[in-house]
């Protein structure tokens, strides 16, 4: 979204300041201006896709693994074997074997 907004603002400013007319009068077409914009858009799309597809799920998985590890270490201290344990609020645990 930021890339789309940036390109819209940039071309809007170019049009507002009549710089597109100046470029066209010096024989620079609009298709000669577009390749850097398209290249930047594709690069930012690939970067955003990499983050959304790989890095977010990897971070969520790592956070869940860390939280379960911390919960396992901290709760095993207060849990006793063969007894209903209520050391965690609103949860009752029974452990046959630790």
PDB file of N, CA and C in Angstrom:
ATOM      1  N   UNK A   1       0.828  -1.188   0.000  1.00  0.00           N
ATOM      2  CA  UNK A   1       0.000   0.000   0.000  1.00  0.00           C
ATOM      3  C   UNK A   1       0.875   1.255   0.000  1.00  0.00           C
ATOM      4  N   UNK A   2       1.964   1.198   0.753  1.00  0.00           N
ATOM      5  CA  UNK A   2       2.846   2.360   0.820  1.00  0.00           C
ATOM      6  C   UNK A   2       3.490   2.623  -0.531  1.00  0.00           C
ATOM      7  N   UNK A   3       3.857   1.559  -1.241  1.00  0.00           N
ATOM      8  CA  UNK A   3       4.464   1.734  -2.564  1.00  0.00           C
ATOM      9  C   UNK A   3       3.466   2.321  -3.548  1.00  0.00           C
ATOM     10  N   UNK A   4       2.247   1.839  -3.508  1.00  0.00           N
ATOM     11  CA  UNK A   4       1.209   2.379  -4.383  1.00  0.00           C
ATOM     12  C   UNK A   4       0.956   3.845  -4.076  1.00  0.00           C
ATOM     13  N   UNK A   5       0.843   4.171  -2.817  1.00  0.00           N
ATOM     14  CA  UNK A   5       0.610   5.558  -2.424  1.00  0.00           C
ATOM     15  C   UNK A   5       1.790   6.452  -2.809  1.00  0.00           C
ATOM     16  N   UNK A   6       3.004   5.949  -2.628  1.00  0.00           N
ATOM     17  CA  UNK A   6       4.190   6.743  -2.985  1.00  0.00           C
ATOM     18  C   UNK A   6       4.251   7.020  -4.481  1.00  0.00           C
ATOM     19  N   UNK A   7       3.953   6.005  -5.296  1.00  0.00           N
ATOM     20  CA  UNK A   7       3.990   6.235  -6.745  1.00  0.00           C
ATOM     21  C   UNK A   7       2.873   7.176  -7.187  1.00  0.00           C
ATOM     22  N   UNK A   8       1.693   7.052  -6.576  1.00  0.00           N
ATOM     23  CA  UNK A   8       0.606   7.982  -6.915  1.00  0.00           C
ATOM     24  C   UNK A   8       0.953   9.419  -6.534  1.00  0.00           C
ATOM     25  N   UNK A   9       1.516   9.601  -5.372  1.00  0.00           N
ATOM     26  CA  UNK A   9       1.902  10.950  -4.940  1.00  0.00           C
ATOM     27  C   UNK A   9       3.007  11.505  -5.825  1.00  0.00           C
ATOM     28  N   UNK A  10       3.984  10.654  -6.178  1.00  0.00           N
ATOM     29  CA  UNK A  10       5.096  11.125  -7.016  1.00  0.00           C
ATOM     30  C   UNK A  10       4.602  11.565  -8.385  1.00  0.00           C
ATOM     31  N   UNK A  11       3.775  10.754  -9.046  1.00  0.00           N
ATOM     32  CA  UNK A  11       3.268  11.150 -10.359  1.00  0.00           C
ATOM     33  C   UNK A  11       2.296  12.314 -10.265  1.00  0.00           C
ATOM     34  N   UNK A  12       1.572  12.414  -9.169  1.00  0.00           N
ATOM     35  CA  UNK A  12       0.690  13.559  -8.970  1.00  0.00           C
ATOM     36  C   UNK A  12       1.495  14.854  -8.859  1.00  0.00           C
ATOM     37  N   UNK A  13       2.597  14.794  -8.096  1.00  0.00           N
ATOM     38  CA  UNK A  13       3.466  15.981  -7.976  1.00  0.00           C
ATOM     39  C   UNK A  13       4.109  16.330  -9.318  1.00  0.00           C
ATOM     40  N   UNK A  14       4.536  15.311 -10.066  1.00  0.00           N
ATOM     41  CA  UNK A  14       5.116  15.575 -11.381  1.00  0.00           C
ATOM     42  C   UNK A  14       4.099  16.258 -12.297  1.00  0.00           C
ATOM     43  N   UNK A  15       2.873  15.820 -12.251  1.00  0.00           N
ATOM     44  CA  UNK A  15       1.826  16.421 -13.070  1.00  0.00           C
ATOM     45  C   UNK A  15       1.484  17.816 -12.574  1.00  0.00           C
ATOM     46  N   UNK A  16       1.424  17.990 -11.259  1.00  0.00           N
ATOM     47  CA  UNK A  16       1.056  19.274 -10.678  1.00  0.00           C
ATOM     48  C   UNK A  16       2.079  20.358 -10.992  1.00  0.00           C
ATOM     49  N   UNK A  17       3.344  19.995 -10.995  1.00  0.00           N
ATOM     50  CA  UNK A  17       4.405  20.965 -11.273  1.00  0.00           C
ATOM     51  C   UNK A  17       4.745  21.046 -12.754  1.00  0.00           C
ATOM     52  N   UNK A  18       3.966  20.425 -13.596  1.00  0.00           N
ATOM     53  CA  UNK A  18       4.144  20.402 -15.056  1.00  0.00           C
ATOM     54  C   UNK A  18       5.487  19.817 -15.476  1.00  0.00           C
ATOM     55  N   UNK A  19       6.026  18.946 -14.668  1.00  0.00           N
ATOM     56  CA  UNK A  19       7.288  18.312 -15.018  1.00  0.00           C
ATOM     57  C   UNK A  19       7.090  17.203 -16.037  1.00  0.00           C
ATOM     58  N   UNK A  20       5.925  16.590 -16.063  1.00  0.00           N
ATOM     59  CA  UNK A  20       5.655  15.580 -17.089  1.00  0.00           C
ATOM     60  C   UNK A  20       5.609  16.240 -18.453  1.00  0.00           C
ATOM     61  N   UNK A  21       5.021  17.431 -18.542  1.00  0.00           N
ATOM     62  CA  UNK A  21       4.984  18.173 -19.807  1.00  0.00           C
ATOM     63  C   UNK A  21       6.400  18.539 -20.238  1.00  0.00           C
ATOM     64  N   UNK A  22       7.237  18.949 -19.290  1.00  0.00           N
ATOM     65  CA  UNK A  22       8.625  19.281 -19.619  1.00  0.00           C
ATOM     66  C   UNK A  22       9.385  18.044 -20.087  1.00  0.00           C
ATOM     67  N   UNK A  23       9.149  16.911 -19.447  1.00  0.00           N
ATOM     68  CA  UNK A  23       9.806  15.679 -19.881  1.00  0.00           C
ATOM     69  C   UNK A  23       9.342  15.257 -21.269  1.00  0.00           C
ATOM     70  N   UNK A  24       8.052  15.362 -21.532  1.00  0.00           N
ATOM     71  CA  UNK A  24       7.520  14.989 -22.847  1.00  0.00           C
ATOM     72  C   UNK A  24       8.018  15.929 -23.934  1.00  0.00           C
ATOM     73  N   UNK A  25       8.193  17.219 -23.596  1.00  0.00           N
ATOM     74  CA  UNK A  25       8.710  18.161 -24.598  1.00  0.00           C
ATOM     75  C   UNK A  25      10.190  17.918 -24.896  1.00  0.00           C
ATOM     76  N   UNK A  26      10.900  17.268 -23.969  1.00  0.00           N
ATOM     77  CA  UNK A  26      12.303  16.937 -24.229  1.00  0.00           C
ATOM     78  C   UNK A  26      12.443  15.494 -24.720  1.00  0.00           C
ATOM     79  N   UNK A  27      11.382  14.966 -25.298  1.00  0.00           N
ATOM     80  CA  UNK A  27      11.299  13.652 -25.946  1.00  0.00           C
ATOM     81  C   UNK A  27      11.524  12.477 -24.996  1.00  0.00           C
ATOM     82  N   UNK A  28      11.072  12.611 -23.753  1.00  0.00           N
ATOM     83  CA  UNK A  28      11.070  11.502 -22.811  1.00  0.00           C
ATOM     84  C   UNK A  28       9.615  11.056 -22.658  1.00  0.00           C
ATOM     85  N   UNK A  29       9.366   9.793 -23.041  1.00  0.00           N
ATOM     86  CA  UNK A  29       7.986   9.314 -22.968  1.00  0.00           C
ATOM     87  C   UNK A  29       7.676   8.796 -21.568  1.00  0.00           C
ATOM     88  N   UNK A  30       6.402   8.600 -21.328  1.00  0.00           N
ATOM     89  CA  UNK A  30       5.957   8.084 -20.036  1.00  0.00           C
ATOM     90  C   UNK A  30       6.450   6.650 -19.826  1.00  0.00           C
ATOM     91  N   UNK A  31       6.581   5.886 -20.912  1.00  0.00           N
ATOM     92  CA  UNK A  31       7.059   4.511 -20.812  1.00  0.00           C
ATOM     93  C   UNK A  31       8.540   4.438 -20.455  1.00  0.00           C
ATOM     94  N   UNK A  32       9.286   5.507 -20.647  1.00  0.00           N
ATOM     95  CA  UNK A  32      10.678   5.546 -20.221  1.00  0.00           C
ATOM     96  C   UNK A  32      10.789   5.865 -18.732  1.00  0.00           C
ATOM     97  N   UNK A  33       9.765   6.486 -18.160  1.00  0.00           N
ATOM     98  CA  UNK A  33       9.761   6.826 -16.739  1.00  0.00           C
ATOM     99  C   UNK A  33       9.283   5.636 -15.898  1.00  0.00           C
ATOM    100  N   UNK A  34       8.433   4.801 -16.458  1.00  0.00           N
ATOM    101  CA  UNK A  34       7.796   3.722 -15.700  1.00  0.00           C
ATOM    102  C   UNK A  34       8.693   2.554 -15.273  1.00  0.00           C
ATOM    103  N   UNK A  35       9.716   2.130 -15.998  1.00  0.00           N
ATOM    104  CA  UNK A  35      10.487   0.951 -15.562  1.00  0.00           C
ATOM    105  C   UNK A  35      11.069   1.037 -14.148  1.00  0.00           C
ATOM    106  N   UNK A  36      11.642   2.161 -13.697  1.00  0.00           N
ATOM    107  CA  UNK A  36      12.103   2.187 -12.303  1.00  0.00           C
ATOM    108  C   UNK A  36      10.964   2.056 -11.291  1.00  0.00           C
ATOM    109  N   UNK A  37       9.825   2.624 -11.607  1.00  0.00           N
ATOM    110  CA  UNK A  37       8.669   2.537 -10.709  1.00  0.00           C
ATOM    111  C   UNK A  37       8.168   1.097 -10.639  1.00  0.00           C
ATOM    112  N   UNK A  38       8.082   0.449 -11.775  1.00  0.00           N
ATOM    113  CA  UNK A  38       7.626  -0.943 -11.808  1.00  0.00           C
ATOM    114  C   UNK A  38       8.635  -1.851 -11.107  1.00  0.00           C
ATOM    115  N   UNK A  39       9.915  -1.610 -11.329  1.00  0.00           N
ATOM    116  CA  UNK A  39      10.946  -2.422 -10.676  1.00  0.00           C
ATOM    117  C   UNK A  39      10.873  -2.260  -9.155  1.00  0.00           C
ATOM    118  N   UNK A  40      10.733  -1.036  -8.684  1.00  0.00           N
ATOM    119  CA  UNK A  40      10.615  -0.806  -7.243  1.00  0.00           C
ATOM    120  C   UNK A  40       9.359  -1.456  -6.690  1.00  0.00           C
ATOM    121  N   UNK A  41       8.266  -1.401  -7.438  1.00  0.00           N
ATOM    122  CA  UNK A  41       7.014  -2.028  -6.994  1.00  0.00           C
ATOM    123  C   UNK A  41       7.155  -3.539  -6.906  1.00  0.00           C
ATOM    124  N   UNK A  42       7.798  -4.151  -7.868  1.00  0.00           N
ATOM    125  CA  UNK A  42       7.972  -5.607  -7.855  1.00  0.00           C
ATOM    126  C   UNK A  42       8.891  -6.018  -6.709  1.00  0.00           C
ATOM    127  N   UNK A  43       9.964  -5.273  -6.478  1.00  0.00           N
ATOM    128  CA  UNK A  43      10.878  -5.584  -5.376  1.00  0.00           C
ATOM    129  C   UNK A  43      10.169  -5.460  -4.033  1.00  0.00           C
ATOM    130  N   UNK A  44       9.387  -4.406  -3.852  1.00  0.00           N
ATOM    131  CA  UNK A  44       8.674  -4.257  -2.581  1.00  0.00           C
ATOM    132  C   UNK A  44       7.573  -5.304  -2.428  1.00  0.00           C
ATOM    133  N   UNK A  45       6.953  -5.738  -3.531  1.00  0.00           N
ATOM    134  CA  UNK A  45       5.973  -6.823  -3.474  1.00  0.00           C
ATOM    135  C   UNK A  45       6.635  -8.123  -3.037  1.00  0.00           C
ATOM    136  N   UNK A  46       7.780  -8.433  -3.619  1.00  0.00           N
ATOM    137  CA  UNK A  46       8.489  -9.659  -3.255  1.00  0.00           C
ATOM    138  C   UNK A  46       8.931  -9.632  -1.791  1.00  0.00           C
ATOM    139  N   UNK A  47       9.408  -8.488  -1.334  1.00  0.00           N
ATOM    140  CA  UNK A  47       9.831  -8.344   0.055  1.00  0.00           C
ATOM    141  C   UNK A  47       8.647  -8.515   1.009  1.00  0.00           C
ATOM    142  N   UNK A  48       7.520  -7.891   0.696  1.00  0.00           N
ATOM    143  CA  UNK A  48       6.328  -8.013   1.542  1.00  0.00           C
ATOM    144  C   UNK A  48       5.795  -9.445   1.529  1.00  0.00           C
ATOM    145  N   UNK A  49       5.861 -10.113   0.377  1.00  0.00           N
ATOM    146  CA  UNK A  49       5.422 -11.509   0.303  1.00  0.00           C
ATOM    147  C   UNK A  49       6.327 -12.412   1.123  1.00  0.00           C
ATOM    148  N   UNK A  50       7.626 -12.172   1.078  1.00  0.00           N
ATOM    149  CA  UNK A  50       8.566 -12.947   1.876  1.00  0.00           C
ATOM    150  C   UNK A  50       8.245 -12.817   3.358  1.00  0.00           C
ATOM    151  N   UNK A  51       7.972 -11.598   3.783  1.00  0.00           N
ATOM    152  CA  UNK A  51       7.641 -11.373   5.189  1.00  0.00           C
ATOM    153  C   UNK A  51       6.322 -12.060   5.548  1.00  0.00           C
ATOM    154  N   UNK A  52       5.303 -11.905   4.717  1.00  0.00           N
ATOM    155  CA  UNK A  52       3.985 -12.445   5.039  1.00  0.00           C
ATOM    156  C   UNK A  52       3.936 -13.971   4.966  1.00  0.00           C
ATOM    157  N   UNK A  53       4.664 -14.556   4.017  1.00  0.00           N
ATOM    158  CA  UNK A  53       4.562 -15.997   3.808  1.00  0.00           C
ATOM    159  C   UNK A  53       5.517 -16.776   4.702  1.00  0.00           C
ATOM    160  N   UNK A  54       6.724 -16.259   4.925  1.00  0.00           N
ATOM    161  CA  UNK A  54       7.728 -17.039   5.655  1.00  0.00           C
ATOM    162  C   UNK A  54       8.044 -16.490   7.048  1.00  0.00           C
ATOM    163  N   UNK A  55       8.283 -15.198   7.160  1.00  0.00           N
ATOM    164  CA  UNK A  55       8.807 -14.670   8.417  1.00  0.00           C
ATOM    165  C   UNK A  55       7.748 -14.555   9.515  1.00  0.00           C
ATOM    166  N   UNK A  56       6.531 -14.118   9.197  1.00  0.00           N
ATOM    167  CA  UNK A  56       5.480 -14.037  10.216  1.00  0.00           C
ATOM    168  C   UNK A  56       5.149 -15.407  10.802  1.00  0.00           C
ATOM    169  N   UNK A  57       4.890 -16.435   9.964  1.00  0.00           N
ATOM    170  CA  UNK A  57       4.612 -17.756  10.554  1.00  0.00           C
ATOM    171  C   UNK A  57       5.792 -18.311  11.354  1.00  0.00           C
ATOM    172  N   UNK A  58       7.013 -18.060  10.881  1.00  0.00           N
ATOM    173  CA  UNK A  58       8.179 -18.542  11.616  1.00  0.00           C
ATOM    174  C   UNK A  58       8.281 -17.856  12.977  1.00  0.00           C
ATOM    175  N   UNK A  59       8.007 -16.563  13.015  1.00  0.00           N
ATOM    176  CA  UNK A  59       8.023 -15.833  14.280  1.00  0.00           C
ATOM    177  C   UNK A  59       6.921 -16.286  15.218  1.00  0.00           C
ATOM    178  N   UNK A  60       5.735 -16.522  14.677  1.00  0.00           N
ATOM    179  CA  UNK A  60       4.627 -17.008  15.513  1.00  0.00           C
ATOM    180  C   UNK A  60       4.928 -18.393  16.074  1.00  0.00           C
ATOM    181  N   UNK A  61       5.504 -19.259  15.260  1.00  0.00           N
ATOM    182  CA  UNK A  61       5.856 -20.607  15.724  1.00  0.00           C
ATOM    183  C   UNK A  61       6.931 -20.537  16.808  1.00  0.00           C
ATOM    184  N   UNK A  62       7.922 -19.694  16.618  1.00  0.00           N
ATOM    185  CA  UNK A  62       8.987 -19.555  17.619  1.00  0.00           C
ATOM    186  C   UNK A  62       8.439 -19.004  18.929  1.00  0.00           C
ATOM    187  N   UNK A  63       7.533 -18.036  18.842  1.00  0.00           N
ATOM    188  CA  UNK A  63       6.944 -17.473  20.049  1.00  0.00           C
ATOM    189  C   UNK A  63       6.105 -18.519  20.789  1.00  0.00           C
ATOM    190  N   UNK A  64       5.311 -19.291  20.051  1.00  0.00           N
ATOM    191  CA  UNK A  64       4.495 -20.325  20.687  1.00  0.00           C
ATOM    192  C   UNK A  64       5.376 -21.383  21.334  1.00  0.00           C
ATOM    193  N   UNK A  65       6.440 -21.790  20.646  1.00  0.00           N
ATOM    194  CA  UNK A  65       7.353 -22.791  21.210  1.00  0.00           C
ATOM    195  C   UNK A  65       8.013 -22.266  22.476  1.00  0.00           C
ATOM    196  N   UNK A  66       8.419 -20.992  22.473  1.00  0.00           N
ATOM    197  CA  UNK A  66       9.037 -20.392  23.655  1.00  0.00           C
ATOM    198  C   UNK A  66       8.045 -20.303  24.811  1.00  0.00           C
ATOM    199  N   UNK A  67       6.815 -19.865  24.526  1.00  0.00           N
ATOM    200  CA  UNK A  67       5.812 -19.762  25.582  1.00  0.00           C
ATOM    201  C   UNK A  67       5.470 -21.120  26.181  1.00  0.00           C
ATOM    202  N   UNK A  68       5.314 -22.153  25.343  1.00  0.00           N
ATOM    203  CA  UNK A  68       5.019 -23.488  25.863  1.00  0.00           C
ATOM    204  C   UNK A  68       6.199 -24.040  26.651  1.00  0.00           C
ATOM    205  N   UNK A  69       7.409 -23.729  26.210  1.00  0.00           N
ATOM    206  CA  UNK A  69       8.589 -24.166  26.955  1.00  0.00           C
ATOM    207  C   UNK A  69       8.670 -23.521  28.323  1.00  0.00           C
ATOM    208  N   UNK A  70       8.409 -22.217  28.377  1.00  0.00           N
ATOM    209  CA  UNK A  70       8.416 -21.509  29.661  1.00  0.00           C
ATOM    210  C   UNK A  70       7.301 -22.016  30.554  1.00  0.00           C
ATOM    211  N   UNK A  71       6.118 -22.247  29.974  1.00  0.00           N
ATOM    212  CA  UNK A  71       4.997 -22.750  30.773  1.00  0.00           C
ATOM    213  C   UNK A  71       5.287 -24.154  31.292  1.00  0.00           C
ATOM    214  N   UNK A  72       5.937 -24.975  30.474  1.00  0.00           N
ATOM    215  CA  UNK A  72       6.247 -26.340  30.894  1.00  0.00           C
ATOM    216  C   UNK A  72       7.264 -26.338  32.035  1.00  0.00           C
ATOM    217  N   UNK A  73       8.272 -25.490  31.933  1.00  0.00           N
ATOM    218  CA  UNK A  73       9.304 -25.431  32.970  1.00  0.00           C
ATOM    219  C   UNK A  73       8.733 -24.864  34.269  1.00  0.00           C
ATOM    220  N   UNK A  74       7.943 -23.788  34.167  1.00  0.00           N
ATOM    221  CA  UNK A  74       7.415 -23.152  35.375  1.00  0.00           C
ATOM    222  C   UNK A  74       6.322 -23.964  36.043  1.00  0.00           C
ATOM    223  N   UNK A  75       5.496 -24.663  35.296  1.00  0.00           N
ATOM    224  CA  UNK A  75       4.407 -25.409  35.931  1.00  0.00           C
ATOM    225  C   UNK A  75       4.877 -26.748  36.476  1.00  0.00           C
ATOM    226  N   UNK A  76       5.952 -27.293  35.924  1.00  0.00           N
ATOM    227  CA  UNK A  76       6.400 -28.593  36.433  1.00  0.00           C
ATOM    228  C   UNK A  76       6.976 -28.470  37.835  1.00  0.00           C
ATOM    229  N   UNK A  77       7.321 -27.285  38.274  1.00  0.00           N
ATOM    230  CA  UNK A  77       7.847 -27.095  39.620  1.00  0.00           C
ATOM    231  C   UNK A  77       6.760 -27.343  40.661  1.00  0.00           C
ATOM    232  N   UNK A  78       5.548 -26.843  40.407  1.00  0.00           N
ATOM    233  CA  UNK A  78       4.483 -26.957  41.397  1.00  0.00           C
ATOM    234  C   UNK A  78       3.607 -28.175  41.239  1.00  0.00           C
ATOM    235  N   UNK A  79       3.793 -28.971  40.194  1.00  0.00           N
ATOM    236  CA  UNK A  79       2.935 -30.126  39.953  1.00  0.00           C
ATOM    237  C   UNK A  79       3.475 -31.336  40.712  1.00  0.00           C
ATOM    238  N   UNK A  80       2.558 -32.026  41.390  1.00  0.00           N
ATOM    239  CA  UNK A  80       2.925 -33.234  42.137  1.00  0.00           C
ATOM    240  C   UNK A  80       2.286 -34.437  41.467  1.00  0.00           C
ATOM    241  N   UNK A  81       2.951 -35.558  41.550  1.00  0.00           N
ATOM    242  CA  UNK A  81       2.493 -36.780  40.901  1.00  0.00           C
ATOM    243  C   UNK A  81       1.363 -37.426  41.688  1.00  0.00           C
ATOM    244  N   UNK A  82       0.277 -37.817  40.985  1.00  0.00           N
ATOM    245  CA  UNK A  82      -0.821 -38.536  41.596  1.00  0.00           C
ATOM    246  C   UNK A  82      -1.774 -37.677  42.406  1.00  0.00           C
ATOM    247  N   UNK A  83      -1.715 -36.360  42.266  1.00  0.00           N
ATOM    248  CA  UNK A  83      -2.551 -35.437  43.039  1.00  0.00           C
ATOM    249  C   UNK A  83      -3.185 -34.449  42.059  1.00  0.00           C
ATOM    250  N   UNK A  84      -4.425 -34.036  42.347  1.00  0.00           N
ATOM    251  CA  UNK A  84      -5.037 -32.972  41.564  1.00  0.00           C
ATOM    252  C   UNK A  84      -4.365 -31.657  41.945  1.00  0.00           C
ATOM    253  N   UNK A  85      -3.723 -31.015  40.980  1.00  0.00           N
ATOM    254  CA  UNK A  85      -2.962 -29.790  41.222  1.00  0.00           C
ATOM    255  C   UNK A  85      -3.751 -28.594  40.718  1.00  0.00           C
ATOM    256  N   UNK A  86      -3.920 -27.608  41.580  1.00  0.00           N
ATOM    257  CA  UNK A  86      -4.602 -26.372  41.186  1.00  0.00           C
ATOM    258  C   UNK A  86      -3.685 -25.168  41.377  1.00  0.00           C
ATOM    259  N   UNK A  87      -2.408 -25.331  41.086  1.00  0.00           N
ATOM    260  CA  UNK A  87      -1.455 -24.226  41.251  1.00  0.00           C
ATOM    261  C   UNK A  87      -1.638 -23.143  40.187  1.00  0.00           C
ATOM    262  N   UNK A  88      -2.216 -23.486  39.039  1.00  0.00           N
ATOM    263  CA  UNK A  88      -2.524 -22.513  37.993  1.00  0.00           C
ATOM    264  C   UNK A  88      -3.970 -22.082  38.181  1.00  0.00           C
ATOM    265  N   UNK A  89      -4.246 -20.770  38.221  1.00  0.00           N
ATOM    266  CA  UNK A  89      -5.627 -20.309  38.428  1.00  0.00           C
ATOM    267  C   UNK A  89      -6.565 -20.800  37.321  1.00  0.00           C
ATOM    268  N   UNK A  90      -7.766 -21.259  37.710  1.00  0.00           N
ATOM    269  CA  UNK A  90      -8.830 -21.726  36.823  1.00  0.00           C
ATOM    270  C   UNK A  90      -8.487 -23.002  36.055  1.00  0.00           C
ATOM    271  N   UNK A  91      -7.431 -23.702  36.447  1.00  0.00           N
ATOM    272  CA  UNK A  91      -7.051 -24.945  35.784  1.00  0.00           C
ATOM    273  C   UNK A  91      -6.704 -25.985  36.852  1.00  0.00           C
ATOM    274  N   UNK A  92      -7.266 -27.177  36.698  1.00  0.00           N
ATOM    275  CA  UNK A  92      -6.944 -28.290  37.590  1.00  0.00           C
ATOM    276  C   UNK A  92      -6.256 -29.361  36.746  1.00  0.00           C
ATOM    277  N   UNK A  93      -5.057 -29.757  37.183  1.00  0.00           N
ATOM    278  CA  UNK A  93      -4.272 -30.751  36.455  1.00  0.00           C
ATOM    279  C   UNK A  93      -4.104 -32.002  37.307  1.00  0.00           C
ATOM    280  N   UNK A  94      -4.101 -33.140  36.623  1.00  0.00           N
ATOM    281  CA  UNK A  94      -3.796 -34.404  37.286  1.00  0.00           C
ATOM    282  C   UNK A  94      -2.681 -35.075  36.494  1.00  0.00           C
ATOM    283  N   UNK A  95      -1.618 -35.415  37.163  1.00  0.00           N
ATOM    284  CA  UNK A  95      -0.468 -36.042  36.496  1.00  0.00           C
ATOM    285  C   UNK A  95      -0.273 -37.437  37.057  1.00  0.00           C
ATOM    286  N   UNK A  96      -0.402 -38.452  36.223  1.00  0.00           N
ATOM    287  CA  UNK A  96      -0.108 -39.823  36.629  1.00  0.00           C
ATOM    288  C   UNK A  96       1.380 -40.008  36.893  1.00  0.00           C
ATOM    289  N   UNK A  97       2.166 -39.469  35.972  1.00  0.00           N
ATOM    290  CA  UNK A  97       3.612 -39.670  36.045  1.00  0.00           C
ATOM    291  C   UNK A  97       4.298 -38.403  35.565  1.00  0.00           C
ATOM    292  N   UNK A  98       5.323 -37.999  36.290  1.00  0.00           N
ATOM    293  CA  UNK A  98       6.099 -36.814  35.902  1.00  0.00           C
ATOM    294  C   UNK A  98       7.479 -37.276  35.481  1.00  0.00           C
TER     295      UNK A  98
END
